């Protein structure tokens, strides 16, 4: 089974600038590590340029009234109660057509949902979804999936389901992935040109100086201004609550009375929001790598930074124990060596295969951060660091940096970065500078690698045009069917305490624990986690609450070998700046 990565918040793979910029919640997300899995969306496809921007029913720009959609497939029609005023959306005809995503044959469809659910008769936007039909040909239902981010493509995740989910699950379920509003092939957020986004991600500022802080602030403001200009009113409506309502429309359109759902990282927040709004419509729901929506951006950033630091220490211990570790013969020596490499890269960036893009300190730290998401791929980090140390060459690290940002040459394959920031800003209020200062002081001693410079990160959403005044309420999902929450003890993106919190707030849930490394568990942890989750999805049998799984020998062996079947895909934001 190929591993797949989870995403976090804005910039796990997003550079340091993003780091400082996006110190707003970030959700850890799961994205496939299939080297052939390229996202089908384009960062250049904005809500306005793609032709999928918000449209009024009468605009005549390819956005018809939901009730007037052409050529559609037969379905059971909307199941369960339909929210008042939304009847046309739940009854629209869905035209499924053959498509290929990441070399996988699927069925694709676009549907309409309200831009603003408070004004269902107003403008509409497009939600794109792709279905991997049940291999049995006789599906027991639909399993909706979300990889996280926010900003990750559910379409991409569905396309690799055969390689990542349980064989019986893929046999019995239609797997449906969708790009949430603001993301990918759906009506998408757009802020910067590819050239501008590349500059944004590659930037490395000396924030110890006034000039450096000023330059970083200006670059951040350029991003915000670009989002306002290119995405306009869409920005006010990309929050998770609206996406959860979209998900219920999709559930109704596929003909399922209840929602069956598998969400990773930020996807757990989406699932929790759905359960809170539609508790009686929850079918089988698995939330892996749970977030804590009740934390502010400053505290979330702190928790993730600590998680990243601990994960690096575990990586360094394993590297040193294996021998021939380019960072040193002990974990302490490894951390000191990496700090010196980052400082060196900031003073004089390492040359790479691209003479116009040397590897700076921000880029190097971002790469290291992202590799913490899957210990099976730590050997690849070893290779990148060895190339730096022994050859003074940052080419391999740059390759991983670009893969993480879904960049090929001078083009970006998705709008992950922009969507991540936009959704986070729509979901969470702005924390005060004093709140960030409090945690910056703690991190200087507690996380010298990822947060030890004492830099006070500010909230990128401070100058954003739209953000709520209050944090989301705890997800209760009162009256729902049992929900399965999964936490990984050494998760660098969504700390285990966050899973415990979600289990505590949900009124009907069980908690599964994996004692492993990396972000999320299902598809990575082995049979102890995968078997009861698959059984739950297939039969409804609820796993035992409190089940704790150790790292299996097969996982240990996998983690100690070079993986040749995949390449890291950092679709996760830099933990330190991300929220979830």
Protein backbone atom coordinates (compact mmCIF):
# COMPACT_ATOMS: atom_id res chain seq x y z
CA UNK A 1 0.00 0.00 0.00
CA UNK A 2 1.44 3.33 -0.97
CA UNK A 3 1.59 5.98 1.68
CA UNK A 4 -0.24 9.22 1.33
CA UNK A 5 0.52 12.50 2.99
CA UNK A 6 -1.67 14.75 4.98
CA UNK A 7 -1.73 18.43 4.62
CA UNK A 8 -1.72 20.97 7.28
CA UNK A 9 -2.46 24.57 7.17
CA UNK A 10 -1.17 27.14 4.89
CA UNK A 11 2.35 26.53 4.63
CA UNK A 12 3.77 23.36 5.71
CA UNK A 13 5.23 23.33 2.41
CA UNK A 14 4.91 26.87 2.00
CA UNK A 15 8.00 28.75 2.72
CA UNK A 16 8.99 30.78 5.64
CA UNK A 17 7.55 33.86 4.40
CA UNK A 18 4.43 31.96 4.37
CA UNK A 19 5.44 30.96 7.75
CA UNK A 20 5.39 34.34 9.14
CA UNK A 21 2.55 35.23 6.93
CA UNK A 22 0.33 32.42 7.69
CA UNK A 23 0.63 32.11 11.37
CA UNK A 24 -3.08 31.58 11.28
CA UNK A 25 -4.70 28.21 11.81
CA UNK A 26 -3.68 25.63 9.42
CA UNK A 27 -5.14 22.33 9.10
CA UNK A 28 -3.08 19.34 8.60
CA UNK A 29 -4.03 17.68 5.47
CA UNK A 30 -3.59 14.42 3.76
CA UNK A 31 -2.36 14.34 0.27
CA UNK A 32 -1.20 11.38 -1.74
CA UNK A 33 2.47 10.69 -2.06
CA UNK A 34 2.12 9.14 -5.44
CA UNK A 35 4.83 10.59 -7.65
CA UNK A 36 2.47 10.43 -10.59
CA UNK A 37 -0.35 12.12 -8.83
CA UNK A 38 -0.48 15.62 -10.13
CA UNK A 39 -3.37 17.81 -9.17
CA UNK A 40 -5.68 18.63 -11.96
CA UNK A 41 -6.33 22.12 -10.75
CA UNK A 42 -4.29 25.19 -11.57
CA UNK A 43 -3.43 28.09 -9.39
CA UNK A 44 -4.03 30.23 -12.37
CA UNK A 45 -7.65 29.20 -12.57
CA UNK A 46 -9.22 31.86 -10.44
CA UNK A 47 -12.84 32.31 -9.71
CA UNK A 48 -12.96 34.93 -12.40
CA UNK A 49 -10.62 33.52 -15.00
CA UNK A 50 -11.87 29.97 -14.90
CA UNK A 51 -15.40 30.86 -15.80
CA UNK A 52 -16.55 29.31 -12.54
CA UNK A 53 -16.74 32.46 -10.48
CA UNK A 54 -19.81 33.46 -8.51
CA UNK A 55 -22.69 33.90 -10.94
CA UNK A 56 -26.25 34.99 -10.65
CA UNK A 57 -28.73 32.51 -12.11
CA UNK A 58 -29.52 34.93 -14.91
CA UNK A 59 -25.97 35.88 -15.82
CA UNK A 60 -25.84 33.49 -18.74
CA UNK A 61 -22.17 32.63 -18.19
CA UNK A 62 -22.51 28.88 -17.98
CA UNK A 63 -23.96 28.96 -14.51
CA UNK A 64 -27.54 27.90 -14.95
CA UNK A 65 -30.14 27.74 -12.30
CA UNK A 66 -29.68 24.46 -10.44
CA UNK A 67 -33.06 23.21 -11.54
CA UNK A 68 -32.16 23.68 -15.17
CA UNK A 69 -29.02 21.61 -15.41
CA UNK A 70 -28.87 19.55 -18.61
CA UNK A 71 -28.22 15.91 -19.43
CA UNK A 72 -28.14 14.20 -16.13
CA UNK A 73 -27.82 10.71 -14.87
CA UNK A 74 -30.61 9.01 -13.07
CA UNK A 75 -30.33 8.95 -9.30
CA UNK A 76 -32.49 8.25 -6.32
CA UNK A 77 -33.01 11.95 -5.88
CA UNK A 78 -32.40 13.84 -2.65
CA UNK A 79 -32.69 11.68 0.44
CA UNK A 80 -33.60 12.95 3.90
CA UNK A 81 -35.06 16.35 4.70
CA UNK A 82 -34.07 19.20 2.41
CA UNK A 83 -33.34 22.57 4.06
CA UNK A 84 -36.02 25.12 3.25
CA UNK A 85 -35.18 27.34 0.32
CA UNK A 86 -32.56 24.95 -1.07
CA UNK A 87 -34.89 22.56 -2.88
CA UNK A 88 -33.59 23.44 -6.35
CA UNK A 89 -30.01 22.68 -5.34
CA UNK A 90 -30.86 19.30 -3.84
CA UNK A 91 -33.01 18.38 -6.85
CA UNK A 92 -30.66 19.50 -9.63
CA UNK A 93 -29.69 16.83 -12.11
CA UNK A 94 -26.12 15.56 -11.90
CA UNK A 95 -24.45 14.91 -15.24
CA UNK A 96 -21.69 12.37 -14.56
CA UNK A 97 -19.22 11.96 -17.41
CA UNK A 98 -16.14 9.84 -17.94
CA UNK A 99 -12.89 11.51 -16.93
CA UNK A 100 -9.30 10.64 -16.08
CA UNK A 101 -7.63 11.98 -12.95
CA UNK A 102 -4.00 11.18 -12.26
CA UNK A 103 -4.16 8.36 -14.84
CA UNK A 104 -7.19 6.83 -13.14
CA UNK A 105 -10.52 6.46 -14.96
CA UNK A 106 -13.30 8.07 -12.96
CA UNK A 107 -16.67 9.80 -13.30
CA UNK A 108 -16.78 13.58 -12.93
CA UNK A 109 -19.52 16.13 -12.41
CA UNK A 110 -19.97 19.80 -11.57
CA UNK A 111 -22.88 20.97 -9.45
CA UNK A 112 -24.19 24.33 -8.28
CA UNK A 113 -24.47 25.58 -4.71
CA UNK A 114 -25.30 29.00 -3.30
CA UNK A 115 -22.46 31.45 -2.90
CA UNK A 116 -24.19 32.60 0.28
CA UNK A 117 -26.47 30.14 2.05
CA UNK A 118 -28.29 33.06 3.64
CA UNK A 119 -29.27 34.14 0.13
CA UNK A 120 -30.02 30.88 -1.72
CA UNK A 121 -31.73 32.77 -4.53
CA UNK A 122 -28.62 34.80 -5.25
CA UNK A 123 -25.35 34.00 -6.97
CA UNK A 124 -24.10 30.45 -7.33
CA UNK A 125 -20.70 28.77 -7.44
CA UNK A 126 -19.48 25.45 -8.81
CA UNK A 127 -18.39 22.41 -6.82
CA UNK A 128 -16.38 19.82 -8.77
CA UNK A 129 -16.42 16.18 -7.73
CA UNK A 130 -15.02 12.92 -9.06
CA UNK A 131 -16.21 9.39 -8.34
CA UNK A 132 -14.21 6.18 -8.30
CA UNK A 133 -17.00 3.64 -8.82
CA UNK A 134 -17.16 0.65 -6.50
CA UNK A 135 -15.14 -2.17 -8.00
CA UNK A 136 -17.94 -4.62 -7.21
CA UNK A 137 -20.33 -2.69 -9.44
CA UNK A 138 -22.86 -2.89 -6.60
CA UNK A 139 -22.02 -0.07 -4.17
CA UNK A 140 -23.40 -0.15 -0.65
CA UNK A 141 -23.25 3.63 -0.67
CA UNK A 142 -20.95 6.58 -1.24
CA UNK A 143 -17.87 7.41 0.84
CA UNK A 144 -16.96 11.08 0.63
CA UNK A 145 -13.30 11.90 1.32
CA UNK A 146 -11.27 15.00 2.16
CA UNK A 147 -7.44 15.10 2.47
CA UNK A 148 -7.11 18.22 4.58
CA UNK A 149 -5.31 21.49 4.03
CA UNK A 150 -7.52 23.38 3.96
CA UNK A 151 -6.91 23.63 0.26
CA UNK A 152 -6.26 19.98 -0.51
CA UNK A 153 -8.04 18.34 -3.42
CA UNK A 154 -10.54 15.64 -2.55
CA UNK A 155 -10.57 14.71 -6.23
CA UNK A 156 -6.87 13.86 -6.04
CA UNK A 157 -7.40 11.79 -2.91
CA UNK A 158 -10.24 9.81 -4.49
CA UNK A 159 -8.06 9.09 -7.52
CA UNK A 160 -5.52 7.20 -5.36
CA UNK A 161 -8.08 5.44 -3.17
CA UNK A 162 -7.23 2.04 -4.65
CA UNK A 163 -3.65 2.42 -3.45
CA UNK A 164 -4.40 3.89 -0.05
CA UNK A 165 -7.72 2.65 1.33
CA UNK A 166 -8.73 -0.85 2.34
CA UNK A 167 -9.40 -3.16 -0.63
CA UNK A 168 -12.90 -4.04 0.59
CA UNK A 169 -13.75 -0.38 1.09
CA UNK A 170 -12.84 0.40 -2.51
CA UNK A 171 -14.74 -2.68 -3.66
CA UNK A 172 -17.97 -1.83 -1.84
CA UNK A 173 -18.13 1.98 -1.90
CA UNK A 174 -18.32 4.59 -4.59
CA UNK A 175 -15.45 6.84 -3.45
CA UNK A 176 -16.27 10.49 -4.11
CA UNK A 177 -13.78 13.27 -3.70
CA UNK A 178 -14.68 16.90 -4.18
CA UNK A 179 -12.73 20.13 -4.26
CA UNK A 180 -14.23 22.35 -1.55
CA UNK A 181 -15.39 25.86 -2.44
CA UNK A 182 -12.34 28.02 -3.07
CA UNK A 183 -10.20 25.02 -4.07
CA UNK A 184 -8.89 23.53 -7.30
CA UNK A 185 -11.48 22.65 -9.91
CA UNK A 186 -14.34 24.18 -7.95
CA UNK A 187 -14.87 27.93 -7.94
CA UNK A 188 -11.37 28.77 -6.81
CA UNK A 189 -9.60 31.48 -4.85
CA UNK A 190 -6.86 33.24 -6.79
CA UNK A 191 -4.46 35.85 -5.47
CA UNK A 192 -1.14 35.92 -7.33
CA UNK A 193 0.29 35.04 -10.70
CA UNK A 194 2.54 31.98 -10.81
CA UNK A 195 5.59 34.24 -10.94
CA UNK A 196 4.40 36.26 -7.94
CA UNK A 197 3.51 33.13 -5.98
CA UNK A 198 6.93 31.66 -6.71
CA UNK A 199 8.60 34.80 -5.39
CA UNK A 200 6.38 34.72 -2.33
CA UNK A 201 7.33 31.15 -1.46
CA UNK A 202 11.04 31.54 -2.23
CA UNK A 203 11.48 34.66 -0.10
CA UNK A 204 13.85 34.62 2.87
CA UNK A 205 13.82 37.70 5.12
CA UNK A 206 16.10 38.63 7.99
CA UNK A 207 13.39 39.41 10.52
CA UNK A 208 15.98 40.46 13.09
CA UNK A 209 16.24 43.75 11.20
CA UNK A 210 13.66 46.46 10.65
CA UNK A 211 14.31 46.34 6.91
CA UNK A 212 13.66 42.59 6.82
CA UNK A 213 10.42 42.87 8.79
CA UNK A 214 9.25 45.70 6.57
CA UNK A 215 9.99 43.74 3.39
CA UNK A 216 8.16 40.69 4.70
CA UNK A 217 5.14 42.76 5.67
CA UNK A 218 5.02 44.30 2.20
CA UNK A 219 5.18 40.88 0.54
CA UNK A 220 2.41 39.60 2.75
CA UNK A 221 0.22 42.60 2.02
CA UNK A 222 0.73 42.03 -1.70
CA UNK A 223 -0.77 38.58 -1.27
CA UNK A 224 -3.74 39.93 0.66
CA UNK A 225 -4.35 42.71 -1.87
CA UNK A 226 -4.13 40.22 -4.72
CA UNK A 227 -6.74 37.99 -3.09
CA UNK A 228 -9.09 40.93 -2.63
CA UNK A 229 -8.68 42.00 -6.25
CA UNK A 230 -8.87 38.62 -7.97
CA UNK A 231 -11.29 36.70 -5.74
CA UNK A 232 -13.57 39.45 -4.47
CA UNK A 233 -16.79 38.38 -2.78
CA UNK A 234 -15.83 34.71 -2.88
CA UNK A 235 -13.45 35.33 0.05
CA UNK A 236 -16.34 36.01 2.41
CA UNK A 237 -17.91 32.63 1.70
CA UNK A 238 -15.14 29.99 1.70
CA UNK A 239 -15.42 29.11 5.37
CA UNK A 240 -15.84 25.56 6.65
CA UNK A 241 -19.48 25.98 7.66
CA UNK A 242 -20.45 26.78 4.07
CA UNK A 243 -18.38 23.84 2.81
CA UNK A 244 -20.18 21.53 5.26
CA UNK A 245 -23.49 22.70 3.79
CA UNK A 246 -22.12 22.03 0.30
CA UNK A 247 -21.25 18.51 1.45
CA UNK A 248 -24.85 17.90 2.45
CA UNK A 249 -26.02 18.99 -0.99
CA UNK A 250 -23.58 16.49 -2.51
CA UNK A 251 -24.83 13.77 -0.16
CA UNK A 252 -28.37 14.42 -1.28
CA UNK A 253 -27.41 14.44 -4.96
CA UNK A 254 -25.77 10.99 -4.84
CA UNK A 255 -28.92 9.61 -3.22
CA UNK A 256 -27.56 8.68 0.20
CA UNK A 257 -29.81 9.27 3.19
CA UNK A 258 -26.80 9.56 5.51
CA UNK A 259 -23.28 10.87 4.95
CA UNK A 260 -20.44 8.36 4.98
CA UNK A 261 -17.23 10.32 5.32
CA UNK A 262 -13.47 9.89 5.76
CA UNK A 263 -11.58 13.08 6.56
CA UNK A 264 -7.91 13.71 7.37
CA UNK A 265 -6.44 16.64 9.27
CA UNK A 266 -8.41 19.74 8.26
CA UNK A 267 -10.90 17.20 6.87
CA UNK A 268 -11.72 16.36 10.50
CA UNK A 269 -12.79 19.94 11.07
CA UNK A 270 -15.04 19.73 8.03
CA UNK A 271 -16.49 16.47 9.30
CA UNK A 272 -17.00 17.90 12.78
CA UNK A 273 -18.75 20.95 11.35
CA UNK A 274 -21.02 18.71 9.28
CA UNK A 275 -21.91 16.63 12.32
CA UNK A 276 -22.68 19.75 14.29
CA UNK A 277 -25.05 21.10 11.62
CA UNK A 278 -26.57 17.80 10.46
CA UNK A 279 -26.15 15.33 13.36
CA UNK A 280 -29.05 13.11 12.25
CA UNK A 281 -27.53 12.78 8.78
CA UNK A 282 -24.22 11.36 10.02
CA UNK A 283 -23.74 7.80 8.79
CA UNK A 284 -20.27 6.31 9.19
CA UNK A 285 -17.69 9.02 9.86
CA UNK A 286 -13.93 8.66 10.42
CA UNK A 287 -11.88 11.69 11.51
CA UNK A 288 -8.14 11.01 11.36
CA UNK A 289 -5.57 13.54 12.64
CA UNK A 290 -8.16 15.61 14.44
CA UNK A 291 -7.80 19.37 14.79
CA UNK A 292 -8.88 21.60 17.65
CA UNK A 293 -10.95 24.44 16.17
CA UNK A 294 -11.32 26.10 19.56
CA UNK A 295 -7.67 27.15 19.69
CA UNK A 296 -6.58 30.51 18.35
CA UNK A 297 -3.95 30.91 15.64
CA UNK A 298 -1.18 31.71 18.11
CA UNK A 299 -1.79 28.68 20.30
CA UNK A 300 -2.28 26.37 17.32
CA UNK A 301 0.97 27.59 15.82
CA UNK A 302 2.71 26.96 19.14
CA UNK A 303 1.36 23.41 19.44
CA UNK A 304 2.41 22.55 15.91
CA UNK A 305 5.86 24.05 16.33
CA UNK A 306 6.41 21.91 19.42
CA UNK A 307 5.18 18.88 17.51
CA UNK A 308 7.59 19.56 14.66
CA UNK A 309 10.49 19.99 17.06
CA UNK A 310 9.78 16.67 18.78
CA UNK A 311 9.42 14.90 15.46
CA UNK A 312 12.78 16.23 14.30
CA UNK A 313 14.38 14.97 17.51
CA UNK A 314 12.97 11.52 16.80
CA UNK A 315 14.24 11.73 13.24
CA UNK A 316 17.68 12.82 14.45
CA UNK A 317 17.84 9.95 16.94
CA UNK A 318 17.01 7.44 14.22
CA UNK A 319 19.48 9.02 11.80
CA UNK A 320 22.30 8.97 14.37
CA UNK A 321 21.53 5.41 15.48
CA UNK A 322 21.68 4.15 11.90
CA UNK A 323 25.23 5.50 11.52
CA UNK A 324 26.74 7.60 8.72
CA UNK A 325 24.29 10.39 9.52
CA UNK A 326 25.38 13.57 7.78
CA UNK A 327 24.03 15.66 10.65
CA UNK A 328 26.10 14.00 13.36
CA UNK A 329 26.40 11.07 15.71
CA UNK A 330 23.79 12.22 18.24
CA UNK A 331 20.38 13.92 18.21
CA UNK A 332 21.84 16.99 19.90
CA UNK A 333 24.64 17.26 17.36
CA UNK A 334 22.15 16.80 14.52
CA UNK A 335 20.03 19.72 15.67
CA UNK A 336 23.07 21.98 16.00
CA UNK A 337 24.28 20.98 12.55
CA UNK A 338 20.92 21.65 10.93
CA UNK A 339 20.71 25.05 12.62
CA UNK A 340 24.13 25.89 11.20
CA UNK A 341 23.08 24.73 7.71
CA UNK A 342 19.98 26.93 7.85
CA UNK A 343 22.04 29.91 8.98
CA UNK A 344 24.54 29.20 6.22
CA UNK A 345 21.76 28.99 3.63
CA UNK A 346 20.38 32.33 4.76
CA UNK A 347 23.80 34.01 4.48
CA UNK A 348 24.75 32.37 1.21
CA UNK A 349 22.10 30.09 -0.35
CA UNK A 350 23.21 26.69 -1.58
CA UNK A 351 23.55 26.38 -5.37
CA UNK A 352 21.02 24.14 -7.10
CA UNK A 353 20.29 22.78 -10.55
CA UNK A 354 18.45 26.06 -11.17
CA UNK A 355 20.99 28.90 -11.15
CA UNK A 356 18.18 31.39 -10.57
CA UNK A 357 16.84 29.63 -7.48
CA UNK A 358 19.46 28.78 -4.86
CA UNK A 359 18.26 27.10 -1.67
CA UNK A 360 17.89 29.58 1.19
CA UNK A 361 17.27 29.02 4.89
CA UNK A 362 13.52 29.38 4.68
CA UNK A 363 13.29 26.80 1.93
CA UNK A 364 15.51 24.35 3.78
CA UNK A 365 13.53 24.61 7.02
CA UNK A 366 10.31 24.12 5.08
CA UNK A 367 11.64 20.92 3.49
CA UNK A 368 12.72 19.49 6.85
CA UNK A 369 9.37 20.38 8.37
CA UNK A 370 7.45 18.62 5.65
CA UNK A 371 9.45 15.42 5.92
CA UNK A 372 8.28 15.09 9.51
CA UNK A 373 4.86 14.06 8.21
CA UNK A 374 5.89 10.53 7.27
CA UNK A 375 8.80 8.69 8.88
CA UNK A 376 8.77 6.14 6.05
CA UNK A 377 10.25 8.89 3.90
CA UNK A 378 12.94 10.07 6.30
CA UNK A 379 15.63 8.29 4.23
CA UNK A 380 14.88 10.75 1.43
CA UNK A 381 15.55 13.63 3.79
CA UNK A 382 18.84 11.94 4.67
CA UNK A 383 19.79 12.03 1.00
CA UNK A 384 18.91 15.71 0.60
CA UNK A 385 20.93 16.69 3.67
CA UNK A 386 23.87 14.52 2.63
CA UNK A 387 23.93 16.32 -0.72
CA UNK A 388 24.06 19.65 1.10
CA UNK A 389 26.80 18.63 3.51
CA UNK A 390 29.04 16.63 1.21
CA UNK A 391 28.48 18.35 -2.13
CA UNK A 392 27.35 21.84 -1.19
CA UNK A 393 24.39 21.18 -3.46
CA UNK A 394 20.75 22.02 -2.66
CA UNK A 395 19.25 20.51 -5.82
CA UNK A 396 17.48 17.58 -4.18
CA UNK A 397 16.13 19.76 -1.39
CA UNK A 398 14.81 22.23 -3.96
CA UNK A 399 13.09 19.38 -5.77
CA UNK A 400 11.32 18.38 -2.57
CA UNK A 401 10.47 22.00 -1.82
CA UNK A 402 8.78 22.38 -5.20
CA UNK A 403 6.99 19.05 -4.94
CA UNK A 404 5.56 20.16 -1.63
CA UNK A 405 4.27 23.36 -3.14
CA UNK A 406 2.88 21.53 -6.19
CA UNK A 407 5.21 23.45 -8.45
CA UNK A 408 6.62 22.26 -11.75
CA UNK A 409 9.13 24.64 -13.28
CA UNK A 410 7.54 28.06 -13.19
CA UNK A 411 3.97 26.75 -12.92
CA UNK A 412 1.84 25.75 -9.95
CA UNK A 413 -0.56 22.85 -10.35
CA UNK A 414 -2.98 23.98 -7.67
CA UNK A 415 -4.10 26.98 -5.66
CA UNK A 416 -3.28 25.24 -2.36
CA UNK A 417 -1.40 28.17 -0.83
CA UNK A 418 -4.00 30.79 -1.60
CA UNK A 419 -6.96 28.61 -0.66
CA UNK A 420 -5.32 27.62 2.60
CA UNK A 421 -4.94 31.17 3.76
CA UNK A 422 -8.38 32.26 2.51
CA UNK A 423 -10.23 29.44 4.26
CA UNK A 424 -8.35 29.88 7.50
CA UNK A 425 -9.05 33.59 7.53
CA UNK A 426 -12.73 32.92 6.89
CA UNK A 427 -12.86 30.46 9.80
CA UNK A 428 -10.92 32.12 12.61
CA UNK A 429 -10.76 35.49 14.34
CA UNK A 430 -7.49 37.43 14.49
CA UNK A 431 -5.32 36.90 17.57
CA UNK A 432 -3.61 39.84 19.22
CA UNK A 433 0.09 40.60 18.83
CA UNK A 434 0.51 40.06 22.57
CA UNK A 435 -0.83 36.53 22.18
CA UNK A 436 1.81 35.77 19.56
CA UNK A 437 4.50 37.41 21.71
CA UNK A 438 3.61 35.13 24.63
CA UNK A 439 4.17 31.98 22.64
CA UNK A 440 7.21 33.32 20.81
CA UNK A 441 8.98 33.68 24.15
CA UNK A 442 8.16 30.09 25.08
CA UNK A 443 9.27 28.72 21.73
CA UNK A 444 12.69 30.34 21.92
CA UNK A 445 13.65 27.82 24.58
CA UNK A 446 11.29 24.95 23.82
CA UNK A 447 11.76 24.73 20.05
CA UNK A 448 15.14 26.23 19.06
CA UNK A 449 14.96 24.75 15.55
CA UNK A 450 11.46 25.62 14.38
CA UNK A 451 10.67 28.50 16.70
CA UNK A 452 13.86 29.39 18.49
CA UNK A 453 14.69 32.72 16.95
CA UNK A 454 12.08 34.38 19.12
CA UNK A 455 10.46 35.95 16.07
CA UNK A 456 6.96 37.22 16.79
CA UNK A 457 4.81 36.09 13.95
CA UNK A 458 1.78 38.14 13.14
CA UNK A 459 -1.53 36.94 11.85
CA UNK A 460 -1.76 37.09 8.06
CA UNK A 461 -5.49 37.55 8.46
CA UNK A 462 -5.09 40.83 10.33
CA UNK A 463 -5.54 42.80 7.10
CA UNK A 464 -7.86 40.28 5.49
CA UNK A 465 -11.22 41.67 4.43
CA UNK A 466 -13.25 38.87 6.02
CA UNK A 467 -12.87 36.97 9.28
CA UNK A 468 -15.25 36.07 12.10
CA UNK A 469 -15.35 37.76 15.48
CA UNK A 470 -15.48 34.55 17.50
CA UNK A 471 -13.89 31.10 17.44
CA UNK A 472 -15.98 28.13 16.30
CA UNK A 473 -18.03 26.52 19.03
CA UNK A 474 -17.04 23.00 20.12
CA UNK A 475 -18.36 20.30 17.82
CA UNK A 476 -20.98 18.31 19.71
CA UNK A 477 -22.90 16.54 16.93
CA UNK A 478 -25.62 15.82 19.49
CA UNK A 479 -27.72 12.86 18.44
CA UNK A 480 -25.34 11.60 15.74
CA UNK A 481 -24.41 8.02 15.01
CA UNK A 482 -21.03 6.92 16.49
CA UNK A 483 -18.05 8.81 15.05
CA UNK A 484 -14.52 7.35 14.95
CA UNK A 485 -11.71 9.75 15.91
CA UNK A 486 -8.07 8.73 15.33
CA UNK A 487 -4.99 10.33 16.87
CA UNK A 488 -1.29 9.62 16.37
CA UNK A 489 0.87 10.00 19.46
CA UNK A 490 3.77 11.68 17.67
CA UNK A 491 1.83 13.64 15.06
CA UNK A 492 3.80 16.79 14.15
CA UNK A 493 0.84 18.58 12.58
CA UNK A 494 -2.18 17.75 14.66
CA UNK A 495 -0.96 16.95 18.19
CA UNK A 496 -2.49 13.97 19.91
CA UNK A 497 -4.14 16.25 22.48
CA UNK A 498 -6.24 17.68 19.67
CA UNK A 499 -7.68 14.25 18.90
CA UNK A 500 -8.42 13.80 22.59
CA UNK A 501 -10.22 17.13 22.58
CA UNK A 502 -12.38 16.25 19.57
CA UNK A 503 -13.26 12.92 21.15
CA UNK A 504 -14.23 14.76 24.32
CA UNK A 505 -16.43 17.38 22.64
CA UNK A 506 -18.24 15.01 20.25
CA UNK A 507 -21.08 13.49 22.23
CA UNK A 508 -21.00 10.11 20.49
CA UNK A 509 -17.46 9.12 19.47
CA UNK A 510 -14.69 6.61 20.08
CA UNK A 511 -10.96 7.36 20.08
CA UNK A 512 -8.35 5.15 18.41
CA UNK A 513 -4.69 5.81 19.14
CA UNK A 514 -1.59 4.94 17.14
CA UNK A 515 1.77 5.11 18.90
CA UNK A 516 3.59 5.97 15.67
CA UNK A 517 5.37 8.88 14.00
CA UNK A 518 4.00 11.23 11.37
CA UNK A 519 0.70 12.77 10.43
CA UNK A 520 -2.49 10.63 10.63
CA UNK A 521 -2.75 6.88 10.91
CA UNK A 522 -5.20 5.20 8.51
CA UNK A 523 -3.29 3.76 5.56
CA UNK A 524 0.02 4.12 7.46
CA UNK A 525 -0.41 2.38 10.79
CA UNK A 526 -1.07 -1.17 9.64
CA UNK A 527 -3.79 -3.66 10.47
CA UNK A 528 -4.39 -2.65 14.08
CA UNK A 529 -5.90 0.63 12.90
CA UNK A 530 -6.89 -0.21 9.33
CA UNK A 531 -8.86 -3.41 10.08
CA UNK A 532 -11.33 -1.97 12.65
CA UNK A 533 -11.77 1.20 10.56
CA UNK A 534 -12.54 -0.83 7.43
CA UNK A 535 -14.94 -3.06 9.38
CA UNK A 536 -16.70 0.01 10.75
CA UNK A 537 -17.09 1.54 7.28
CA UNK A 538 -18.32 -1.75 5.80
CA UNK A 539 -20.56 -3.10 8.56
CA UNK A 540 -21.13 -0.30 11.03
CA UNK A 541 -19.38 -2.18 13.85
CA UNK A 542 -17.93 0.53 16.06
CA UNK A 543 -14.28 -0.01 17.15
CA UNK A 544 -13.60 -0.30 20.86
CA UNK A 545 -13.15 3.09 22.46
CA UNK A 546 -9.60 3.52 23.72
CA UNK A 547 -8.03 1.05 21.30
CA UNK A 548 -4.27 1.74 21.28
CA UNK A 549 -2.02 0.35 18.55
CA UNK A 550 1.73 -0.03 18.65
CA UNK A 551 4.02 0.44 15.66
CA UNK A 552 4.05 -2.84 13.75
CA UNK A 553 7.27 -4.46 12.62
CA UNK A 554 6.31 -3.96 8.99
CA UNK A 555 6.05 -0.23 9.64
CA UNK A 556 9.44 -0.20 11.32
CA UNK A 557 10.98 -2.00 8.40
CA UNK A 558 9.29 0.32 5.90
CA UNK A 559 10.54 3.35 7.76
CA UNK A 560 14.10 2.10 7.65
CA UNK A 561 14.21 1.55 3.89
CA UNK A 562 14.38 3.91 0.95
CA UNK A 563 10.98 4.12 -0.65
CA UNK A 564 11.20 3.88 -4.40
CA UNK A 565 7.51 3.86 -5.21
CA UNK A 566 6.73 7.41 -4.22
CA UNK A 567 8.04 10.90 -3.81
CA UNK A 568 7.16 13.22 -0.97
CA UNK A 569 4.32 15.49 -1.81
CA UNK A 570 4.29 18.37 0.61
CA UNK A 571 0.88 19.63 0.37
CA UNK A 572 1.04 20.55 3.96
CA UNK A 573 1.76 23.94 5.27
CA UNK A 574 4.64 24.66 7.53
CA UNK A 575 3.54 23.40 10.81
CA UNK A 576 4.93 26.28 12.73
CA UNK A 577 2.67 28.62 11.02
CA UNK A 578 -0.19 26.47 10.42
CA UNK A 579 -2.98 26.09 12.67
CA UNK A 580 -4.27 22.65 12.57
